[in-house]
Amino acid sequence: MIRAMNKDIIIVYGIPNCDTVKKARAWLAAQGRAYQFHDFKRQGVPERRLDDWIRALGWEPLINTRGTTWRRLDEARRASVTDAATARRLMQEEPSVIKRPVVQWADGETSVGFDEAAWRSRLG
């Protein structure tokens, strides 16, 4: 389990122009839930958090293999991602390949992607 620095805060990690991140942020706002946004493009991918995410979720769910960033990588680069270390390197070099949003919930749990029903259930 990953613990947030401030356990009362939800942290949404992603890219502001990502449609899924926009939906997730709008949904949280509509629910009246405060959150912090961490922009991968401006603030980078936090190395320690990335390691925590890989430990908690595994590397596979974090790589967005359906996104344009993954698809524009050459075949050799895609084939080289075979384990946590190679996935981590790719995510550091190409933050847009990370499935979004990654959310660090107030209870310390971490999730990836936006699923309204799951989020509604989580937040009660």
Protein backbone atom coordinates (compact mmCIF):
# COMPACT_ATOMS: atom_id res chain seq x y z
CA MET A 1 0.00 0.00 0.00
CA ILE A 2 1.27 3.49 -0.84
CA ARG A 3 0.77 6.23 1.71
CA ALA A 4 0.25 9.84 0.68
CA MET A 5 2.40 12.49 2.36
CA ASN A 6 -0.75 14.24 3.52
CA LYS A 7 -3.30 11.50 4.02
CA ASP A 8 -6.22 13.91 3.59
CA ILE A 9 -5.25 14.84 0.04
CA ILE A 10 -5.99 13.09 -3.24
CA ILE A 11 -3.17 13.53 -5.76
CA VAL A 12 -3.98 13.16 -9.45
CA TYR A 13 -0.93 12.54 -11.66
CA GLY A 14 -1.16 13.04 -15.38
CA ILE A 15 -1.09 15.43 -18.30
CA PRO A 16 -3.56 18.32 -18.36
CA ASN A 17 -4.60 17.94 -22.01
CA CYS A 18 -5.36 14.21 -21.68
CA ASP A 19 -9.12 13.66 -22.12
CA THR A 20 -9.23 11.00 -19.40
CA VAL A 21 -7.42 13.26 -16.94
CA LYS A 22 -9.83 16.09 -17.80
CA LYS A 23 -12.81 13.81 -17.12
CA ALA A 24 -11.33 12.59 -13.84
CA ARG A 25 -10.54 16.10 -12.62
CA ALA A 26 -13.98 17.38 -13.63
CA TRP A 27 -15.61 14.43 -11.87
CA LEU A 28 -13.68 15.08 -8.64
CA ALA A 29 -14.61 18.76 -8.81
CA ALA A 30 -18.28 17.89 -9.39
CA GLN A 31 -18.17 15.68 -6.31
CA GLY A 32 -16.72 18.56 -4.29
CA ARG A 33 -13.49 16.63 -3.68
CA ALA A 34 -10.31 18.61 -3.20
CA TYR A 35 -7.24 17.24 -4.94
CA GLN A 36 -3.75 18.24 -6.02
CA PHE A 37 -2.73 17.86 -9.63
CA HIS A 38 0.78 16.77 -10.57
CA ASP A 39 1.57 17.56 -14.21
CA PHE A 40 4.03 15.06 -15.70
CA LYS A 41 4.96 17.53 -18.45
CA ARG A 42 5.83 20.40 -16.10
CA GLN A 43 6.85 18.59 -12.93
CA GLY A 44 8.20 15.34 -14.31
CA VAL A 45 7.51 11.83 -13.10
CA PRO A 46 8.37 11.58 -9.40
CA GLU A 47 10.94 8.77 -9.26
CA ARG A 48 10.10 7.55 -5.77
CA ARG A 49 6.38 7.53 -6.53
CA LEU A 50 6.99 5.67 -9.80
CA ASP A 51 8.81 2.97 -7.85
CA ASP A 52 5.91 2.82 -5.37
CA TRP A 53 3.39 2.52 -8.22
CA ILE A 54 5.33 -0.29 -9.84
CA ARG A 55 5.53 -2.16 -6.52
CA ALA A 56 1.83 -1.63 -5.76
CA LEU A 57 0.29 -2.11 -9.21
CA GLY A 58 2.93 -3.83 -11.30
CA TRP A 59 4.46 -2.19 -14.35
CA GLU A 60 2.04 -3.57 -16.94
CA PRO A 61 -1.05 -1.56 -15.91
CA LEU A 62 1.03 1.63 -15.93
CA ILE A 63 2.03 1.37 -19.60
CA ASN A 64 -0.65 2.68 -21.96
CA THR A 65 -0.15 0.35 -24.90
CA ARG A 66 -3.22 1.79 -26.66
CA GLY A 67 -1.99 5.38 -26.61
CA THR A 68 -0.29 7.33 -29.37
CA THR A 69 3.00 7.60 -27.48
CA TRP A 70 3.34 3.82 -27.32
CA ARG A 71 2.26 3.38 -30.93
CA ARG A 72 4.78 5.92 -32.21
CA LEU A 73 7.68 4.09 -30.54
CA ASP A 74 9.59 1.90 -32.96
CA GLU A 75 8.99 -1.83 -32.70
CA ALA A 76 12.40 -2.51 -31.14
CA ARG A 77 11.75 0.01 -28.36
CA ARG A 78 8.34 -1.49 -27.59
CA ALA A 79 9.83 -5.00 -27.60
CA SER A 80 12.55 -3.91 -25.17
CA VAL A 81 9.98 -3.26 -22.42
CA THR A 82 9.99 -6.65 -20.76
CA ASP A 83 10.22 -6.03 -17.01
CA ALA A 84 9.87 -3.40 -14.29
CA ALA A 85 13.31 -1.91 -14.90
CA THR A 86 12.84 -1.40 -18.65
CA ALA A 87 9.28 -0.14 -18.14
CA ARG A 88 10.49 2.31 -15.47
CA ARG A 89 13.16 3.65 -17.81
CA LEU A 90 10.61 4.15 -20.58
CA MET A 91 8.13 5.89 -18.23
CA GLN A 92 10.87 8.29 -17.06
CA GLU A 93 11.93 9.07 -20.63
CA GLU A 94 8.41 9.21 -22.11
CA PRO A 95 5.94 10.29 -19.39
CA SER A 96 3.09 10.30 -21.91
CA VAL A 97 3.32 6.51 -22.11
CA ILE A 98 1.99 6.25 -18.54
CA LYS A 99 -1.70 5.34 -18.40
CA ARG A 100 -3.59 8.21 -16.85
CA PRO A 101 -4.54 9.34 -14.41
CA VAL A 102 -2.53 7.73 -11.66
CA VAL A 103 -4.29 8.62 -8.43
CA GLN A 104 -2.90 8.52 -4.95
CA TRP A 105 -6.01 8.39 -2.79
CA ALA A 106 -6.37 9.97 0.63
CA ASP A 107 -6.37 6.48 2.20
CA GLY A 108 -2.94 5.77 0.72
CA GLU A 109 -4.12 3.42 -2.04
CA THR A 110 -3.14 4.00 -5.66
CA SER A 111 -5.15 3.43 -8.83
CA VAL A 112 -4.60 3.98 -12.52
CA GLY A 113 -7.21 5.09 -15.05
CA PHE A 114 -10.62 6.63 -14.55
CA ASP A 115 -13.58 4.42 -13.74
CA GLU A 116 -16.49 6.52 -12.48
CA ALA A 117 -18.29 3.62 -10.79
CA ALA A 118 -15.15 2.48 -8.97
CA TRP A 119 -14.32 6.03 -7.94
CA ARG A 120 -17.88 6.62 -6.69
CA SER A 121 -17.68 3.42 -4.65
CA ARG A 122 -14.28 4.36 -3.26
CA LEU A 123 -15.38 7.80 -2.16
CA GLY A 124 -18.72 6.65 -0.77
